[in-house]
Amino acid sequence: MLDINLIRENPELVRQSLRLRHMETDPVDTVLELDTSRRELLTRVEALKAERNAVSKEIGKLKDAALRQQKIDAMKQVGDQIADLDEQVRVVENRLQSVLATIPNIPAADTPPGKDDSENVLLKTVGEIPQYNFTPLPHWELGTRLGLINFDQGVKLTGSRFYVLSGAAARLQRALIAWMLDLHIRQGYLEKYTPFMVRSEILYASGQLPKFADNLYHDAEEDYWMVPTAEVPLTGLHSGDILPESDLPLRYTAYTPCFRREKMSAGRDVRGIKRGHQFDKVEMYIFCKPEDSDKELEKMLADAEQTCHALGLPYRVKRLCGGDLTFGARATYDIEVWAAGCNEWLEVSSVSNVGDFQARRANIKYRPEDGGKTRLVHTLNGSGLGLPRTLIAVLENYQQPDQSILVPEVLHPWMGGIERITPQK
């Protein structure tokens, strides 16, 4: 959430950020009007409360019973006015907070202009696209032929966009998760195992609510929400906390399944297992001091790149333009890996600096060592990497002429020595 003081003092900056994001509506005037109304109401309430306090002291000193009763009756009317104004303040405050919650983060000053993902800026490509003396199969054909992926069973169990991994494919998925977690631990992250369901206030704190409510799975009876990403519970770990400066930066990594209704994927290519309602992801997350967040963003990007490099996957890095930035991000890098069978680049990681946007919602601060006023931390998040797209790239890029699949060397210890995947029974 943005600081209301920023909107009061520099509304044009906020409007410019909305234009950079190509937002169709401008809520700034509404915020300013509600804020003015709220402050005017508060001024009236405080004046009446001051009057009531002064008269109450006066009443205590009066000896004339009739005059005392007259003032008591008058103060009852003042009390009624205060109660009415307090209710008006509550209504306006709720409306103000609701509108503030719809305003996205202000992009970093160096954010490239652009309306959508077609105008993201390619920064670099690493590795050579593999060449084959045969036509590589897409994973939905390769996986079916080898008995690795069963789409019919997924539909039988749940419905469309669900699937079942079998044998070596299931083990490969598990190996990728375990290996990535261990890699991030070596990179300096502390592993966390968090609940896969959270309360609504945790989703609000991370910026998922109210913006993405229609894309989330919700148990209304218990008010439990299935997490769309481990970013959500990792943000909530320190909700309401004041952290010692000496503890920063805090770097966490976590695996969770992720649940999304994928309403926003209408019209996109959803063949195979590229885009489902349930998928696995290993997340990186950082709490740091504001002056360190740009440096931490570069570290997180390098850590995600190391994952691609170690798996031997060709990848490229893009800087997201204003029109493609997510709701809470100030700056984002996307990492895409090459998938030879699909013959396309697949996004496997978004690495973002969120600034104090989440910390303000979650009320996460740190106390400077010099004893100064507490300050909001900055938060960052990144996939390290997302599945199943990383699995897709491994299956497709490492396939052989006989349709067997070589297992990347770094995964051998997690595959029980399996170095080649052959048809599953």
Protein backbone atom coordinates (compact mmCIF):
# COMPACT_ATOMS: atom_id res chain seq x y z
CA MET A 1 0.00 0.00 0.00
CA LEU A 2 1.18 3.53 -0.75
CA ASP A 3 1.78 6.10 1.96
CA ILE A 4 -1.20 8.46 2.16
CA ASN A 5 1.24 11.31 2.77
CA LEU A 6 2.86 10.63 -0.60
CA ILE A 7 -0.50 10.90 -2.35
CA ARG A 8 -1.32 14.12 -0.48
CA GLU A 9 2.03 15.74 -1.19
CA ASN A 10 2.76 14.45 -4.68
CA PRO A 11 -0.42 13.23 -6.36
CA GLU A 12 1.02 13.80 -9.84
CA LEU A 13 3.80 11.27 -9.15
CA VAL A 14 1.16 8.66 -8.38
CA ARG A 15 -0.82 9.60 -11.49
CA GLN A 16 2.32 9.26 -13.61
CA SER A 17 2.96 5.80 -12.16
CA LEU A 18 -0.61 4.76 -13.04
CA ARG A 19 -0.12 6.02 -16.58
CA LEU A 20 3.16 4.07 -16.83
CA ARG A 21 1.21 0.97 -15.83
CA HIS A 22 -1.47 1.80 -18.44
CA MET A 23 -4.22 1.72 -15.83
CA GLU A 24 -7.56 2.80 -17.23
CA THR A 25 -8.86 4.51 -14.08
CA ASP A 26 -7.30 7.12 -11.83
CA PRO A 27 -8.29 6.73 -8.15
CA VAL A 28 -6.10 9.60 -6.92
CA ASP A 29 -8.86 12.23 -6.88
CA THR A 30 -11.13 9.84 -4.98
CA VAL A 31 -8.41 9.25 -2.38
CA LEU A 32 -7.80 12.98 -1.95
CA GLU A 33 -11.52 13.70 -1.59
CA LEU A 34 -12.01 10.95 0.97
CA ASP A 35 -8.90 11.98 2.87
CA THR A 36 -10.08 15.60 3.02
CA SER A 37 -13.53 14.50 4.18
CA ARG A 38 -12.03 12.25 6.86
CA ARG A 39 -9.79 14.99 8.22
CA GLU A 40 -12.65 17.49 8.29
CA LEU A 41 -14.83 15.03 10.19
CA LEU A 42 -12.01 14.30 12.63
CA THR A 43 -11.54 18.01 13.25
CA ARG A 44 -15.25 18.37 14.07
CA VAL A 45 -15.19 15.30 16.33
CA GLU A 46 -12.12 16.48 18.23
CA ALA A 47 -13.68 19.95 18.71
CA LEU A 48 -16.86 18.42 20.14
CA LYS A 49 -14.89 16.06 22.39
CA ALA A 50 -12.84 18.97 23.68
CA GLU A 51 -16.05 20.91 24.35
CA ARG A 52 -17.55 17.94 26.19
CA ASN A 53 -14.44 17.49 28.34
CA ALA A 54 -14.36 21.16 29.25
CA VAL A 55 -18.06 21.28 30.13
CA SER A 56 -17.76 18.03 32.12
CA LYS A 57 -15.15 19.67 34.33
CA GLU A 58 -17.40 22.71 34.65
CA ILE A 59 -20.39 20.58 35.62
CA GLY A 60 -18.43 19.06 38.46
CA LYS A 61 -17.96 22.51 39.98
CA LEU A 62 -21.55 23.76 39.60
CA LYS A 63 -23.67 24.00 42.71
CA ASP A 64 -26.85 25.12 40.92
CA ALA A 65 -28.70 21.85 40.30
CA ALA A 66 -30.90 23.25 37.54
CA LEU A 67 -27.97 24.71 35.64
CA ARG A 68 -26.00 21.49 36.10
CA GLN A 69 -28.88 19.43 34.66
CA GLN A 70 -29.22 21.85 31.76
CA LYS A 71 -25.55 21.36 30.85
CA ILE A 72 -25.81 17.58 31.29
CA ASP A 73 -28.73 17.51 28.86
CA ALA A 74 -26.79 19.67 26.41
CA MET A 75 -23.80 17.32 26.61
CA LYS A 76 -26.04 14.34 25.86
CA GLN A 77 -26.88 16.04 22.57
CA VAL A 78 -23.16 16.66 21.98
CA GLY A 79 -22.53 12.98 22.72
CA ASP A 80 -25.10 12.02 20.11
CA GLN A 81 -23.37 14.29 17.59
CA ILE A 82 -20.00 12.73 18.43
CA ALA A 83 -21.39 9.22 17.97
CA ASP A 84 -22.87 10.21 14.60
CA LEU A 85 -19.61 11.80 13.45
CA ASP A 86 -17.59 8.80 14.66
CA GLU A 87 -19.74 6.57 12.48
CA GLN A 88 -19.23 8.91 9.52
CA VAL A 89 -15.48 8.77 10.13
CA ARG A 90 -15.59 4.96 10.22
CA VAL A 91 -17.49 4.79 6.92
CA VAL A 92 -15.19 7.27 5.18
CA GLU A 93 -12.07 5.59 6.61
CA ASN A 94 -13.19 2.17 5.36
CA ARG A 95 -13.93 3.60 1.95
CA LEU A 96 -10.54 5.36 1.88
CA GLN A 97 -8.68 2.17 2.81
CA SER A 98 -10.60 0.23 0.16
CA VAL A 99 -9.60 2.68 -2.57
CA LEU A 100 -5.98 2.85 -1.34
CA ALA A 101 -5.83 -0.95 -1.55
CA THR A 102 -6.54 -0.77 -5.30
CA ILE A 103 -3.57 1.49 -6.09
CA PRO A 104 -0.48 -0.47 -7.22
CA ASN A 105 3.09 0.22 -6.23
CA ILE A 106 5.01 3.05 -7.88
CA PRO A 107 7.45 1.62 -10.44
CA ALA A 108 11.15 2.34 -10.08
CA ALA A 109 12.38 5.42 -11.93
CA ASP A 110 14.24 3.31 -14.51
CA THR A 111 11.26 1.11 -15.39
CA PRO A 112 11.01 0.77 -19.18
CA PRO A 113 7.85 2.17 -20.76
CA GLY A 114 5.52 -0.25 -22.47
CA LYS A 115 1.93 -1.43 -22.52
CA ASP A 116 2.33 -5.22 -22.06
CA ASP A 117 4.75 -8.17 -22.10
CA SER A 118 5.48 -7.64 -25.79
CA GLU A 119 7.43 -4.52 -24.82
CA ASN A 120 9.55 -6.00 -22.02
CA VAL A 121 13.27 -5.34 -22.51
CA LEU A 122 15.57 -8.27 -23.28
CA LEU A 123 18.77 -7.81 -21.26
CA LYS A 124 20.72 -10.95 -22.09
CA THR A 125 20.55 -14.51 -23.37
CA VAL A 126 22.78 -17.15 -21.77
CA GLY A 127 23.59 -20.50 -23.34
CA GLU A 128 23.04 -21.94 -26.78
CA ILE A 129 19.67 -23.21 -27.97
CA PRO A 130 20.24 -26.97 -28.40
CA GLN A 131 20.32 -28.41 -31.90
CA TYR A 132 19.01 -31.90 -32.70
CA ASN A 133 19.33 -34.35 -35.58
CA PHE A 134 15.72 -35.31 -34.92
CA THR A 135 12.51 -33.42 -34.25
CA PRO A 136 12.17 -32.95 -30.46
CA LEU A 137 8.74 -33.74 -29.09
CA PRO A 138 6.74 -31.40 -26.85
CA HIS A 139 6.32 -32.71 -23.33
CA TRP A 140 2.65 -33.55 -23.78
CA GLU A 141 3.63 -36.07 -26.47
CA LEU A 142 6.93 -37.17 -24.98
CA GLY A 143 5.52 -37.56 -21.48
CA THR A 144 2.53 -39.56 -22.69
CA ARG A 145 4.64 -41.92 -24.83
CA LEU A 146 7.01 -42.64 -21.93
CA GLY A 147 4.21 -43.04 -19.39
CA LEU A 148 5.45 -40.00 -17.43
CA ILE A 149 2.40 -37.73 -17.65
CA ASN A 150 -1.21 -38.90 -17.52
CA PHE A 151 -3.72 -36.21 -18.43
CA ASP A 152 -6.77 -38.51 -18.39
CA GLN A 153 -6.18 -39.45 -14.76
CA GLY A 154 -5.85 -35.78 -13.81
CA VAL A 155 -9.19 -35.04 -15.45
CA LYS A 156 -10.76 -38.09 -13.76
CA LEU A 157 -9.55 -36.95 -10.33
CA THR A 158 -10.28 -33.24 -10.60
CA GLY A 159 -10.87 -31.79 -14.04
CA SER A 160 -9.15 -29.94 -16.86
CA ARG A 161 -5.65 -28.54 -16.27
CA PHE A 162 -4.81 -31.27 -13.78
CA TYR A 163 -2.50 -34.22 -14.46
CA VAL A 164 -0.66 -37.08 -12.78
CA LEU A 165 3.11 -37.56 -12.92
CA SER A 166 4.33 -41.14 -12.76
CA GLY A 167 7.54 -42.93 -11.90
CA ALA A 168 10.69 -41.08 -12.88
CA ALA A 169 8.76 -37.89 -13.72
CA ALA A 170 7.30 -37.70 -10.22
CA ARG A 171 10.76 -38.37 -8.80
CA LEU A 172 12.30 -35.75 -11.11
CA GLN A 173 9.79 -33.17 -9.89
CA ARG A 174 10.66 -34.00 -6.28
CA ALA A 175 14.38 -33.97 -7.09
CA LEU A 176 14.15 -30.49 -8.61
CA ILE A 177 12.39 -29.17 -5.50
CA ALA A 178 14.88 -30.72 -3.07
CA TRP A 179 17.90 -29.67 -5.11
CA MET A 180 16.70 -26.07 -5.49
CA LEU A 181 16.03 -25.76 -1.76
CA ASP A 182 19.51 -27.06 -0.97
CA LEU A 183 21.04 -24.69 -3.52
CA HIS A 184 19.26 -21.69 -2.01
CA ILE A 185 20.40 -22.72 1.47
CA ARG A 186 23.99 -22.67 0.18
CA GLN A 187 23.28 -19.24 -1.32
CA GLY A 188 22.44 -17.92 2.15
CA TYR A 189 18.69 -18.47 2.52
CA LEU A 190 17.03 -20.05 5.56
CA GLU A 191 14.51 -22.74 4.65
CA LYS A 192 10.97 -22.37 5.97
CA TYR A 193 8.12 -24.86 5.82
CA THR A 194 4.89 -22.90 6.01
CA PRO A 195 1.16 -23.68 5.96
CA PHE A 196 -0.38 -24.03 2.53
CA MET A 197 -3.47 -22.13 3.75
CA VAL A 198 -3.55 -18.64 5.29
CA ARG A 199 -6.07 -16.17 6.66
CA SER A 200 -7.39 -13.29 4.58
CA GLU A 201 -5.32 -10.66 6.40
CA ILE A 202 -2.12 -12.45 5.36
CA LEU A 203 -3.18 -12.32 1.71
CA TYR A 204 -4.06 -8.65 2.13
CA ALA A 205 -0.65 -7.96 3.67
CA SER A 206 1.12 -9.52 0.69
CA GLY A 207 -0.97 -7.54 -1.82
CA GLN A 208 -3.06 -10.46 -3.12
CA LEU A 209 -6.31 -9.15 -1.67
CA PRO A 210 -8.52 -7.51 -2.73
CA LYS A 211 -6.97 -7.28 -6.21
CA PHE A 212 -6.77 -11.01 -7.01
CA ALA A 213 -9.66 -12.44 -4.97
CA ASP A 214 -11.30 -13.98 -8.06
CA ASN A 215 -8.14 -15.92 -8.87
CA LEU A 216 -7.77 -17.57 -5.44
CA TYR A 217 -9.30 -20.64 -3.81
CA HIS A 218 -11.15 -19.84 -0.58
CA ASP A 219 -12.74 -21.86 2.21
CA ALA A 220 -15.35 -19.32 3.30
CA GLU A 221 -16.42 -21.25 6.40
CA GLU A 222 -12.97 -21.13 8.02
CA ASP A 223 -11.69 -18.08 6.08
CA TYR A 224 -8.72 -20.12 4.88
CA TRP A 225 -7.22 -19.33 1.49
CA MET A 226 -5.01 -21.72 -0.47
CA VAL A 227 -1.70 -19.98 -1.10
CA PRO A 228 -1.05 -18.82 -4.69
CA THR A 229 2.70 -18.60 -3.90
CA ALA A 230 5.00 -19.05 -0.89
CA GLU A 231 5.54 -15.28 -1.06
CA VAL A 232 2.25 -14.93 0.84
CA PRO A 233 3.08 -16.88 4.03
CA LEU A 234 6.69 -15.68 3.96
CA THR A 235 5.45 -12.07 4.03
CA GLY A 236 3.15 -12.92 6.89
CA LEU A 237 5.89 -14.47 9.04
CA HIS A 238 6.85 -11.03 10.35
CA SER A 239 3.50 -9.26 10.09
CA GLY A 240 3.30 -6.70 12.91
CA ASP A 241 6.93 -7.27 13.94
CA ILE A 242 9.64 -4.73 14.73
CA LEU A 243 12.91 -6.38 13.71
CA PRO A 244 16.34 -5.43 15.08
CA GLU A 245 18.50 -3.78 12.41
CA SER A 246 21.22 -6.33 13.19
CA ASP A 247 18.91 -9.14 11.96
CA LEU A 248 18.66 -7.68 8.46
CA PRO A 249 18.75 -8.86 5.80
CA LEU A 250 16.57 -11.90 6.45
CA ARG A 251 16.66 -14.29 3.50
CA TYR A 252 14.16 -17.15 3.36
CA THR A 253 13.38 -19.95 0.94
CA ALA A 254 10.33 -22.20 0.93
CA TYR A 255 8.59 -24.80 -1.15
CA THR A 256 4.81 -24.78 -1.50
CA PRO A 257 2.28 -26.08 -3.93
CA CYS A 258 0.53 -23.07 -5.43
CA PHE A 259 -3.18 -22.86 -6.18
CA ARG A 260 -4.64 -20.42 -8.70
CA ARG A 261 -7.93 -20.43 -10.56
CA GLU A 262 -6.14 -19.10 -13.65
CA LYS A 263 -9.03 -16.89 -14.72
CA MET A 264 -6.45 -14.47 -16.07
CA SER A 265 -5.03 -16.99 -18.55
CA ALA A 266 -7.94 -16.81 -20.98
CA GLY A 267 -6.68 -16.94 -24.53
CA ARG A 268 -3.19 -18.15 -23.58
CA ASP A 269 -1.59 -21.38 -24.72
CA VAL A 270 -2.43 -23.91 -22.00
CA ARG A 271 -1.40 -27.12 -23.72
CA GLY A 272 0.32 -29.77 -21.63
CA ILE A 273 1.28 -28.81 -18.09
CA LYS A 274 2.47 -25.26 -18.73
CA ARG A 275 -0.41 -23.60 -16.91
CA GLY A 276 -2.48 -25.40 -14.29
CA HIS A 277 -4.60 -24.67 -11.26
CA GLN A 278 -2.04 -26.42 -9.02
CA PHE A 279 1.72 -26.27 -9.42
CA ASP A 280 4.89 -26.44 -7.33
CA LYS A 281 7.32 -23.61 -6.74
CA VAL A 282 10.41 -22.88 -4.67
CA GLU A 283 10.44 -19.26 -3.51
CA MET A 284 13.15 -16.86 -2.38
CA TYR A 285 12.17 -13.98 -0.09
CA ILE A 286 14.13 -11.16 1.52
CA PHE A 287 13.46 -8.57 4.24
CA CYS A 288 16.08 -5.80 4.19
CA LYS A 289 16.80 -2.14 4.90
CA PRO A 290 15.52 0.28 2.23
CA GLU A 291 18.99 1.34 1.12
CA ASP A 292 19.93 -2.31 0.47
CA SER A 293 16.96 -3.47 -1.60
CA ASP A 294 18.43 -2.68 -5.03
CA LYS A 295 21.55 -4.68 -4.15
CA GLU A 296 19.45 -7.55 -2.81
CA LEU A 297 17.44 -7.58 -6.04
CA GLU A 298 20.62 -8.15 -8.03
CA LYS A 299 21.65 -10.94 -5.64
CA MET A 300 18.30 -12.67 -5.98
CA LEU A 301 18.48 -12.43 -9.78
CA ALA A 302 21.98 -13.94 -9.75
CA ASP A 303 20.78 -16.76 -7.46
CA ALA A 304 17.89 -17.60 -9.80
CA GLU A 305 20.23 -17.49 -12.81
CA GLN A 306 22.58 -19.90 -11.06
CA THR A 307 19.72 -22.39 -10.89
CA CYS A 308 19.21 -22.26 -14.67
CA HIS A 309 22.95 -22.45 -15.32
CA ALA A 310 23.46 -25.49 -13.06
CA LEU A 311 20.62 -27.33 -14.83
CA GLY A 312 22.25 -26.58 -18.19
CA LEU A 313 19.17 -24.75 -19.48
CA PRO A 314 19.52 -21.90 -21.99
CA TYR A 315 17.82 -18.86 -20.48
CA ARG A 316 17.23 -15.19 -21.01
CA VAL A 317 16.57 -12.27 -18.69
CA LYS A 318 14.04 -9.53 -19.34
CA ARG A 319 13.26 -6.31 -17.49
CA LEU A 320 9.51 -5.82 -17.22
CA CYS A 321 7.98 -2.66 -18.64
CA GLY A 322 5.46 -0.56 -16.73
CA GLY A 323 2.44 -2.19 -18.35
CA ASP A 324 3.55 -5.71 -17.36
CA LEU A 325 4.62 -5.06 -13.76
CA THR A 326 2.67 -6.95 -11.15
CA PHE A 327 0.52 -5.04 -8.67
CA GLY A 328 3.05 -4.85 -5.84
CA ALA A 329 6.34 -4.67 -7.72
CA ARG A 330 8.61 -1.64 -8.14
CA ALA A 331 10.99 -3.48 -10.46
CA THR A 332 10.92 -7.00 -11.89
CA TYR A 333 13.23 -9.25 -13.87
CA ASP A 334 11.74 -12.27 -15.65
CA ILE A 335 13.82 -15.35 -16.40
CA GLU A 336 12.72 -17.55 -19.27
CA VAL A 337 14.16 -20.95 -20.21
CA TRP A 338 14.14 -22.52 -23.63
CA ALA A 339 11.90 -25.55 -24.17
CA ALA A 340 12.94 -27.41 -27.32
CA GLY A 341 9.75 -29.42 -27.85
CA CYS A 342 7.39 -26.49 -27.33
CA ASN A 343 9.87 -24.42 -29.37
CA GLU A 344 9.39 -21.44 -27.09
CA TRP A 345 10.72 -19.54 -24.09
CA LEU A 346 8.90 -20.34 -20.84
CA GLU A 347 8.90 -17.97 -17.88
CA VAL A 348 10.20 -19.80 -14.79
CA SER A 349 10.99 -16.92 -12.46
CA SER A 350 9.96 -13.36 -11.68
CA VAL A 351 12.35 -11.57 -9.33
CA SER A 352 10.88 -8.40 -7.85
CA ASN A 353 11.75 -5.55 -5.53
CA VAL A 354 8.52 -4.59 -3.75
CA GLY A 355 9.97 -1.72 -1.69
CA ASP A 356 7.90 -0.94 1.41
CA PHE A 357 4.58 -1.71 -0.32
CA GLN A 358 3.98 -5.02 1.47
CA ALA A 359 5.66 -3.90 4.69
CA ARG A 360 3.22 -1.00 5.04
CA ARG A 361 0.26 -3.34 4.63
CA ALA A 362 1.77 -5.92 6.99
CA ASN A 363 3.21 -3.33 9.42
CA ILE A 364 6.73 -4.80 9.30
CA LYS A 365 9.39 -2.43 10.61
CA TYR A 366 12.92 -2.48 11.95
CA ARG A 367 14.53 -0.53 14.77
CA PRO A 368 17.77 1.24 13.81
CA GLU A 369 20.75 0.42 15.99
CA ASP A 370 21.27 4.12 16.74
CA GLY A 371 17.92 4.16 18.52
CA GLY A 372 16.15 6.25 15.88
CA LYS A 373 12.54 6.00 14.81
CA THR A 374 11.39 2.63 13.48
CA ARG A 375 11.29 2.32 9.69
CA LEU A 376 9.47 0.08 7.26
CA VAL A 377 11.56 -2.72 5.78
CA HIS A 378 11.76 -3.44 2.08
CA THR A 379 10.73 -6.87 0.77
CA LEU A 380 11.76 -8.82 -2.31
CA ASN A 381 10.55 -12.08 -3.80
CA GLY A 382 11.55 -14.41 -6.58
CA SER A 383 10.90 -17.88 -7.92
CA GLY A 384 13.85 -20.14 -7.77
CA LEU A 385 12.44 -21.77 -9.98
CA GLY A 386 8.79 -22.41 -10.78
CA LEU A 387 7.54 -25.85 -11.68
CA PRO A 388 6.33 -27.47 -13.83
CA ARG A 389 7.91 -25.25 -16.47
CA THR A 390 11.40 -26.09 -15.26
CA LEU A 391 10.42 -29.76 -15.46
CA ILE A 392 9.13 -29.17 -19.00
CA ALA A 393 12.46 -27.65 -20.07
CA VAL A 394 14.43 -30.55 -18.59
CA LEU A 395 12.22 -33.17 -20.25
CA GLU A 396 12.25 -31.48 -23.65
CA ASN A 397 15.85 -30.26 -23.82
CA TYR A 398 17.40 -33.49 -22.55
CA GLN A 399 15.40 -35.87 -24.77
CA GLN A 400 17.38 -38.26 -26.97
CA PRO A 401 16.75 -39.75 -30.45
CA ASP A 402 15.30 -42.90 -28.84
CA GLN A 403 12.95 -40.65 -26.79
CA SER A 404 14.72 -41.44 -23.54
CA ILE A 405 15.63 -38.44 -21.38
CA LEU A 406 18.99 -37.73 -19.77
CA VAL A 407 18.87 -36.46 -16.20
CA PRO A 408 20.96 -33.30 -15.55
CA GLU A 409 24.09 -34.25 -13.62
CA VAL A 410 23.31 -32.02 -10.62
CA LEU A 411 20.12 -34.01 -10.02
CA HIS A 412 21.71 -37.47 -9.97
CA PRO A 413 22.06 -37.60 -6.16
CA TRP A 414 18.36 -36.75 -5.76
CA MET A 415 17.31 -39.32 -8.38
CA GLY A 416 18.81 -42.32 -6.61
CA GLY A 417 21.43 -42.70 -9.32
CA ILE A 418 18.96 -42.65 -12.24
CA GLU A 419 20.80 -40.98 -15.12
CA ARG A 420 18.41 -41.76 -17.96
CA ILE A 421 14.60 -41.86 -17.98
CA THR A 422 13.11 -44.59 -20.12
CA PRO A 423 9.49 -45.71 -20.66
CA GLN A 424 7.61 -46.23 -17.39
CA LYS A 425 5.50 -49.29 -16.81
